[in-house]
Amino acid sequence: MNKTPFLAAVLLLLVLPAVSARSISQHSIQIEAEENGDAYITEQYFLSFDNSTELALMRARAREIGADIQGWQNFDAAIFPHIGIIKPGSGKIGFEEKEGDRFVKIEYVTRDPLFISEETSRRTTFHLDSRQFASFQTGSVYTISTNTKIVFLIPRQAGFNEANINPEAEINYEAKRFVWSGYRVSTGNLEFGYWLEKQIAPSIGISSLLQDLLPTSEFKILLAIGLLGMGMIYFKRNSLQQKIEKYLIENSSLEKETDEQKIELE
């Protein structure tokens, strides 16, 4: 009797429960935008375990893999940075257990800007670069699956236009928090943006006034005369002080003599 098919079946039965005992229940991506348009990205892969044995194996494997991002992707092809390309030296990863949740967390910034900026005299506008979301793209369609949640956090003082967000997002207006969750599809580019108003400088200031005056020949002549006069006063300050002191002494002595003469006459 050929025992090879029998042994293969037994091995398959042993392997299948182990594979199905661990699964990714939710994938969360948080994109925290800063005032200069840079973004800090945190991805969390929440794991479910059917038994304690699989959890123990996971803990052991996590210690073995450590902070190797490629090692985690080799362990599970679904665990990798989904936004752009990681900026060298910025990525870190690890397995964590907090308040009953067990997850693999990746933190990083992208090599290329996540937001493209446009400058005007009044504001700086930032637009999401859809090219950084290629992992969600199939042809011209971007798909966010049911168990994936993408969260944008923008600066509190930033402005935005809800109509320009595609696909539609759940918005917390007070916290400036935007969420793409559930099943979301966009047949064009993903669209998300915000702007920051610039502080309006005074129309007339000392610096601008000097800039206007400096090129004129009249101002240069007056400036030269003023500097020359200040220089002469500085170098002759000692003699001037002596003359002033002498004048005060002489006048005070003369006044004293006049007073004495008045007394004698009386």
Foldseek 3Di string as FASTA:
>chain_A
DDCVVVVVVVVVVVVVCLVVQKDFQAKEWEWEADPVQWTKIKIKGWMHGNDPVSVVVVVVVQVVCPFPQVSVCVVPVVRHDQFAAFQPPFKTWGWDADPNITIIMIIGTHNDGQWDWDDDPWKIKTKGDLVRRCSQDDPQKGKDAARYKYKYFYDQQKAFDQVQAPPHWDADNRRRMTMDHGIHMDSHGGIDMIMHTDDDDDPDDPVVVCVVPVVDPVSVVVVVVVVVVVVVCVVCVVVVVVVVVVVVVVVVVVVVVVVVVVVVVD
